[in-house]
Amino acid sequence: MEPGAKVEVRSNFDRSWARGFEVAEVIEESGEIAYRIRRRSDGQILPVTFKEDDLREERRSRGMWWY
């Protein structure tokens, strides 16, 4: 995933997926790729990094006639 990609983030609380985020930066952390994530609603970068397993490309809403 590249910076600017719209993503969903897996919650550590209940493992559900949350929308409204984008990749801010791709970094190397302990020899692995990690991601800094920006909340699109206010532009804030989250204070933790995410591994690829906890991100996925944002999915379109289902059930809408225009999708």
PDB file of N, CA and C in Angstrom:
ATOM      1  N   MET A   1       0.836  -1.174   0.000  1.00  0.00           N
ATOM      2  CA  MET A   1       0.000   0.000   0.000  1.00  0.00           C
ATOM      3  C   MET A   1       0.881   1.238   0.000  1.00  0.00           C
ATOM      4  N   GLU A   2       0.440   2.215  -0.720  1.00  0.00           N
ATOM      5  CA  GLU A   2       1.205   3.444  -0.886  1.00  0.00           C
ATOM      6  C   GLU A   2       0.576   4.584  -0.083  1.00  0.00           C
ATOM      7  N   PRO A   3       1.350   5.620   0.273  1.00  0.00           N
ATOM      8  CA  PRO A   3       0.773   6.783   0.934  1.00  0.00           C
ATOM      9  C   PRO A   3      -0.396   7.355   0.125  1.00  0.00           C
ATOM     10  N   GLY A   4      -1.451   7.702   0.848  1.00  0.00           N
ATOM     11  CA  GLY A   4      -2.657   8.234   0.222  1.00  0.00           C
ATOM     12  C   GLY A   4      -3.717   7.184  -0.038  1.00  0.00           C
ATOM     13  N   ALA A   5      -3.361   5.903   0.042  1.00  0.00           N
ATOM     14  CA  ALA A   5      -4.340   4.834  -0.183  1.00  0.00           C
ATOM     15  C   ALA A   5      -5.382   4.840   0.931  1.00  0.00           C
ATOM     16  N   LYS A   6      -6.657   4.757   0.556  1.00  0.00           N
ATOM     17  CA  LYS A   6      -7.743   4.679   1.535  1.00  0.00           C
ATOM     18  C   LYS A   6      -7.788   3.261   2.082  1.00  0.00           C
ATOM     19  N   VAL A   7      -7.794   3.160   3.413  1.00  0.00           N
ATOM     20  CA  VAL A   7      -7.744   1.852   4.051  1.00  0.00           C
ATOM     21  C   VAL A   7      -8.765   1.748   5.179  1.00  0.00           C
ATOM     22  N   GLU A   8      -9.038   0.498   5.542  1.00  0.00           N
ATOM     23  CA  GLU A   8      -9.779   0.177   6.748  1.00  0.00           C
ATOM     24  C   GLU A   8      -8.771  -0.385   7.738  1.00  0.00           C
ATOM     25  N   VAL A   9      -8.984  -0.103   9.025  1.00  0.00           N
ATOM     26  CA  VAL A   9      -8.058  -0.488  10.080  1.00  0.00           C
ATOM     27  C   VAL A   9      -8.751  -1.481  11.005  1.00  0.00           C
ATOM     28  N   ARG A  10      -8.052  -2.552  11.356  1.00  0.00           N
ATOM     29  CA  ARG A  10      -8.628  -3.548  12.270  1.00  0.00           C
ATOM     30  C   ARG A  10      -8.485  -3.057  13.710  1.00  0.00           C
ATOM     31  N   SER A  11      -9.585  -3.072  14.431  1.00  0.00           N
ATOM     32  CA  SER A  11      -9.604  -2.658  15.829  1.00  0.00           C
ATOM     33  C   SER A  11      -8.947  -3.719  16.706  1.00  0.00           C
ATOM     34  N   ASN A  12      -8.090  -3.300  17.613  1.00  0.00           N
ATOM     35  CA  ASN A  12      -7.492  -4.237  18.568  1.00  0.00           C
ATOM     36  C   ASN A  12      -8.500  -4.664  19.625  1.00  0.00           C
ATOM     37  N   PHE A  13      -9.560  -3.909  19.799  1.00  0.00           N
ATOM     38  CA  PHE A  13     -10.561  -4.207  20.822  1.00  0.00           C
ATOM     39  C   PHE A  13     -11.418  -5.409  20.437  1.00  0.00           C
ATOM     40  N   ASP A  14     -12.097  -5.333  19.285  1.00  0.00           N
ATOM     41  CA  ASP A  14     -13.000  -6.420  18.897  1.00  0.00           C
ATOM     42  C   ASP A  14     -12.681  -7.015  17.521  1.00  0.00           C
ATOM     43  N   ARG A  15     -11.559  -6.615  16.932  1.00  0.00           N
ATOM     44  CA  ARG A  15     -11.059  -7.118  15.650  1.00  0.00           C
ATOM     45  C   ARG A  15     -11.973  -6.764  14.471  1.00  0.00           C
ATOM     46  N   SER A  16     -12.873  -5.800  14.642  1.00  0.00           N
ATOM     47  CA  SER A  16     -13.720  -5.350  13.536  1.00  0.00           C
ATOM     48  C   SER A  16     -12.935  -4.347  12.684  1.00  0.00           C
ATOM     49  N   TRP A  17     -13.461  -4.035  11.504  1.00  0.00           N
ATOM     50  CA  TRP A  17     -12.799  -3.116  10.585  1.00  0.00           C
ATOM     51  C   TRP A  17     -13.442  -1.740  10.675  1.00  0.00           C
ATOM     52  N   ALA A  18     -12.616  -0.694  10.756  1.00  0.00           N
ATOM     53  CA  ALA A  18     -13.087   0.691  10.813  1.00  0.00           C
ATOM     54  C   ALA A  18     -12.646   1.422   9.550  1.00  0.00           C
ATOM     55  N   ARG A  19     -13.551   2.213   8.993  1.00  0.00           N
ATOM     56  CA  ARG A  19     -13.272   2.968   7.763  1.00  0.00           C
ATOM     57  C   ARG A  19     -12.861   4.396   8.095  1.00  0.00           C
ATOM     58  N   GLY A  20     -12.415   5.111   7.053  1.00  0.00           N
ATOM     59  CA  GLY A  20     -12.128   6.527   7.221  1.00  0.00           C
ATOM     60  C   GLY A  20     -10.668   6.861   7.454  1.00  0.00           C
ATOM     61  N   PHE A  21      -9.778   5.995   6.987  1.00  0.00           N
ATOM     62  CA  PHE A  21      -8.346   6.206   7.201  1.00  0.00           C
ATOM     63  C   PHE A  21      -7.613   6.145   5.873  1.00  0.00           C
ATOM     64  N   GLU A  22      -6.379   6.652   5.877  1.00  0.00           N
ATOM     65  CA  GLU A  22      -5.509   6.541   4.703  1.00  0.00           C
ATOM     66  C   GLU A  22      -4.081   6.339   5.176  1.00  0.00           C
ATOM     67  N   VAL A  23      -3.278   5.741   4.322  1.00  0.00           N
ATOM     68  CA  VAL A  23      -1.863   5.529   4.632  1.00  0.00           C
ATOM     69  C   VAL A  23      -1.158   6.880   4.568  1.00  0.00           C
ATOM     70  N   ALA A  24      -0.494   7.243   5.660  1.00  0.00           N
ATOM     71  CA  ALA A  24       0.257   8.494   5.702  1.00  0.00           C
ATOM     72  C   ALA A  24       1.714   8.271   5.325  1.00  0.00           C
ATOM     73  N   GLU A  25       2.256   7.120   5.764  1.00  0.00           N
ATOM     74  CA  GLU A  25       3.674   6.863   5.548  1.00  0.00           C
ATOM     75  C   GLU A  25       3.942   5.367   5.663  1.00  0.00           C
ATOM     76  N   VAL A  26       4.859   4.872   4.859  1.00  0.00           N
ATOM     77  CA  VAL A  26       5.317   3.489   4.944  1.00  0.00           C
ATOM     78  C   VAL A  26       6.713   3.538   5.540  1.00  0.00           C
ATOM     79  N   ILE A  27       6.945   2.771   6.619  1.00  0.00           N
ATOM     80  CA  ILE A  27       8.230   2.800   7.304  1.00  0.00           C
ATOM     81  C   ILE A  27       8.720   1.374   7.542  1.00  0.00           C
ATOM     82  N   GLU A  28       9.993   1.264   7.897  1.00  0.00           N
ATOM     83  CA  GLU A  28      10.539  -0.019   8.315  1.00  0.00           C
ATOM     84  C   GLU A  28      10.678   0.023   9.821  1.00  0.00           C
ATOM     85  N   GLU A  29      10.157  -1.017  10.462  1.00  0.00           N
ATOM     86  CA  GLU A  29      10.168  -1.077  11.922  1.00  0.00           C
ATOM     87  C   GLU A  29      10.572  -2.486  12.343  1.00  0.00           C
ATOM     88  N   SER A  30      11.700  -2.615  12.990  1.00  0.00           N
ATOM     89  CA  SER A  30      12.218  -3.925  13.419  1.00  0.00           C
ATOM     90  C   SER A  30      12.348  -4.893  12.253  1.00  0.00           C
ATOM     91  N   GLY A  31      12.773  -4.372  11.114  1.00  0.00           N
ATOM     92  CA  GLY A  31      12.986  -5.205   9.947  1.00  0.00           C
ATOM     93  C   GLY A  31      11.728  -5.554   9.167  1.00  0.00           C
ATOM     94  N   GLU A  32      10.591  -5.033   9.564  1.00  0.00           N
ATOM     95  CA  GLU A  32       9.321  -5.286   8.887  1.00  0.00           C
ATOM     96  C   GLU A  32       8.714  -3.973   8.410  1.00  0.00           C
ATOM     97  N   ILE A  33       7.862  -4.065   7.404  1.00  0.00           N
ATOM     98  CA  ILE A  33       7.165  -2.875   6.916  1.00  0.00           C
ATOM     99  C   ILE A  33       6.009  -2.563   7.858  1.00  0.00           C
ATOM    100  N   ALA A  34       5.884  -1.311   8.205  1.00  0.00           N
ATOM    101  CA  ALA A  34       4.797  -0.834   9.061  1.00  0.00           C
ATOM    102  C   ALA A  34       4.218   0.428   8.420  1.00  0.00           C
ATOM    103  N   TYR A  35       3.045   0.800   8.878  1.00  0.00           N
ATOM    104  CA  TYR A  35       2.334   1.928   8.271  1.00  0.00           C
ATOM    105  C   TYR A  35       1.906   2.921   9.333  1.00  0.00           C
ATOM    106  N   ARG A  36       2.107   4.185   9.029  1.00  0.00           N
ATOM    107  CA  ARG A  36       1.519   5.265   9.832  1.00  0.00           C
ATOM    108  C   ARG A  36       0.211   5.618   9.130  1.00  0.00           C
ATOM    109  N   ILE A  37      -0.829   5.771   9.918  1.00  0.00           N
ATOM    110  CA  ILE A  37      -2.171   5.952   9.376  1.00  0.00           C
ATOM    111  C   ILE A  37      -2.735   7.311   9.773  1.00  0.00           C
ATOM    112  N   ARG A  38      -3.399   7.956   8.826  1.00  0.00           N
ATOM    113  CA  ARG A  38      -4.033   9.264   9.040  1.00  0.00           C
ATOM    114  C   ARG A  38      -5.546   9.083   9.053  1.00  0.00           C
ATOM    115  N   ARG A  39      -6.199   9.700  10.035  1.00  0.00           N
ATOM    116  CA  ARG A  39      -7.658   9.725  10.089  1.00  0.00           C
ATOM    117  C   ARG A  39      -8.136  10.791   9.118  1.00  0.00           C
ATOM    118  N   ARG A  40      -8.972  10.419   8.149  1.00  0.00           N
ATOM    119  CA  ARG A  40      -9.394  11.359   7.115  1.00  0.00           C
ATOM    120  C   ARG A  40     -10.320  12.446   7.640  1.00  0.00           C
ATOM    121  N   SER A  41     -11.050  12.192   8.702  1.00  0.00           N
ATOM    122  CA  SER A  41     -12.013  13.178   9.199  1.00  0.00           C
ATOM    123  C   SER A  41     -11.344  14.457   9.697  1.00  0.00           C
ATOM    124  N   ASP A  42     -10.169  14.330  10.307  1.00  0.00           N
ATOM    125  CA  ASP A  42      -9.505  15.520  10.842  1.00  0.00           C
ATOM    126  C   ASP A  42      -8.029  15.626  10.467  1.00  0.00           C
ATOM    127  N   GLY A  43      -7.522  14.657   9.697  1.00  0.00           N
ATOM    128  CA  GLY A  43      -6.135  14.720   9.236  1.00  0.00           C
ATOM    129  C   GLY A  43      -5.097  14.310  10.259  1.00  0.00           C
ATOM    130  N   GLN A  44      -5.514  13.825  11.411  1.00  0.00           N
ATOM    131  CA  GLN A  44      -4.567  13.449  12.461  1.00  0.00           C
ATOM    132  C   GLN A  44      -3.932  12.100  12.169  1.00  0.00           C
ATOM    133  N   ILE A  45      -2.634  12.018  12.401  1.00  0.00           N
ATOM    134  CA  ILE A  45      -1.921  10.745  12.272  1.00  0.00           C
ATOM    135  C   ILE A  45      -2.049  10.004  13.593  1.00  0.00           C
ATOM    136  N   LEU A  46      -2.434   8.739  13.531  1.00  0.00           N
ATOM    137  CA  LEU A  46      -2.618   7.944  14.744  1.00  0.00           C
ATOM    138  C   LEU A  46      -1.277   7.717  15.427  1.00  0.00           C
ATOM    139  N   PRO A  47      -1.263   7.611  16.771  1.00  0.00           N
ATOM    140  CA  PRO A  47      -0.007   7.529  17.525  1.00  0.00           C
ATOM    141  C   PRO A  47       0.659   6.154  17.520  1.00  0.00           C
ATOM    142  N   VAL A  48       0.094   5.182  16.809  1.00  0.00           N
ATOM    143  CA  VAL A  48       0.678   3.842  16.731  1.00  0.00           C
ATOM    144  C   VAL A  48       0.892   3.476  15.267  1.00  0.00           C
ATOM    145  N   THR A  49       1.764   2.506  15.019  1.00  0.00           N
ATOM    146  CA  THR A  49       1.955   2.013  13.661  1.00  0.00           C
ATOM    147  C   THR A  49       1.157   0.722  13.498  1.00  0.00           C
ATOM    148  N   PHE A  50       0.888   0.376  12.247  1.00  0.00           N
ATOM    149  CA  PHE A  50       0.091  -0.802  11.937  1.00  0.00           C
ATOM    150  C   PHE A  50       0.868  -1.728  11.025  1.00  0.00           C
ATOM    151  N   LYS A  51       0.719  -3.018  11.255  1.00  0.00           N
ATOM    152  CA  LYS A  51       1.281  -4.021  10.360  1.00  0.00           C
ATOM    153  C   LYS A  51       0.283  -4.255   9.227  1.00  0.00           C
ATOM    154  N   GLU A  52       0.760  -4.838   8.143  1.00  0.00           N
ATOM    155  CA  GLU A  52      -0.078  -5.043   6.960  1.00  0.00           C
ATOM    156  C   GLU A  52      -1.311  -5.910   7.258  1.00  0.00           C
ATOM    157  N   ASP A  53      -1.187  -6.850   8.195  1.00  0.00           N
ATOM    158  CA  ASP A  53      -2.321  -7.717   8.540  1.00  0.00           C
ATOM    159  C   ASP A  53      -3.483  -6.946   9.164  1.00  0.00           C
ATOM    160  N   ASP A  54      -3.208  -5.772   9.699  1.00  0.00           N
ATOM    161  CA  ASP A  54      -4.252  -4.981  10.354  1.00  0.00           C
ATOM    162  C   ASP A  54      -4.804  -3.879   9.468  1.00  0.00           C
ATOM    163  N   LEU A  55      -4.487  -3.937   8.176  1.00  0.00           N
ATOM    164  CA  LEU A  55      -4.995  -2.968   7.201  1.00  0.00           C
ATOM    165  C   LEU A  55      -5.568  -3.708   6.010  1.00  0.00           C
ATOM    166  N   ARG A  56      -6.544  -3.089   5.368  1.00  0.00           N
ATOM    167  CA  ARG A  56      -7.021  -3.587   4.079  1.00  0.00           C
ATOM    168  C   ARG A  56      -7.528  -2.399   3.288  1.00  0.00           C
ATOM    169  N   GLU A  57      -7.523  -2.541   1.972  1.00  0.00           N
ATOM    170  CA  GLU A  57      -8.037  -1.465   1.135  1.00  0.00           C
ATOM    171  C   GLU A  57      -9.494  -1.220   1.488  1.00  0.00           C
ATOM    172  N   GLU A  58      -9.872   0.051   1.489  1.00  0.00           N
ATOM    173  CA  GLU A  58     -11.248   0.390   1.832  1.00  0.00           C
ATOM    174  C   GLU A  58     -12.206  -0.237   0.833  1.00  0.00           C
ATOM    175  N   ARG A  59     -13.226  -0.867   1.341  1.00  0.00           N
ATOM    176  CA  ARG A  59     -14.227  -1.509   0.491  1.00  0.00           C
ATOM    177  C   ARG A  59     -15.394  -0.560   0.267  1.00  0.00           C
ATOM    178  N   ARG A  60     -16.003  -0.709  -0.873  1.00  0.00           N
ATOM    179  CA  ARG A  60     -17.182   0.100  -1.170  1.00  0.00           C
ATOM    180  C   ARG A  60     -18.350  -0.387  -0.324  1.00  0.00           C
ATOM    181  N   SER A  61     -19.263   0.518  -0.039  1.00  0.00           N
ATOM    182  CA  SER A  61     -20.480   0.140   0.678  1.00  0.00           C
ATOM    183  C   SER A  61     -21.306  -0.774  -0.208  1.00  0.00           C
ATOM    184  N   ARG A  62     -21.933  -1.725   0.380  1.00  0.00           N
ATOM    185  CA  ARG A  62     -22.781  -2.630  -0.383  1.00  0.00           C
ATOM    186  C   ARG A  62     -24.233  -2.203  -0.238  1.00  0.00           C
ATOM    187  N   GLY A  63     -25.009  -2.544  -1.232  1.00  0.00           N
ATOM    188  CA  GLY A  63     -26.426  -2.264  -1.160  1.00  0.00           C
ATOM    189  C   GLY A  63     -26.828  -0.908  -1.711  1.00  0.00           C
ATOM    190  N   MET A  64     -25.874  -0.126  -2.162  1.00  0.00           N
ATOM    191  CA  MET A  64     -26.182   1.173  -2.749  1.00  0.00           C
ATOM    192  C   MET A  64     -26.261   1.013  -4.250  1.00  0.00           C
ATOM    193  N   TRP A  65     -27.226   1.598  -4.881  1.00  0.00           N
ATOM    194  CA  TRP A  65     -27.436   1.407  -6.320  1.00  0.00           C
ATOM    195  C   TRP A  65     -26.288   1.937  -7.168  1.00  0.00           C
ATOM    196  N   TRP A  66     -25.508   2.885  -6.637  1.00  0.00           N
ATOM    197  CA  TRP A  66     -24.445   3.455  -7.469  1.00  0.00           C
ATOM    198  C   TRP A  66     -23.129   2.682  -7.349  1.00  0.00           C
ATOM    199  N   TYR A  67     -23.080   1.630  -6.552  1.00  0.00           N
ATOM    200  CA  TYR A  67     -21.862   0.819  -6.449  1.00  0.00           C
ATOM    201  C   TYR A  67     -21.991  -0.444  -7.238  1.00  0.00           C
TER     202      TYR A  67
END
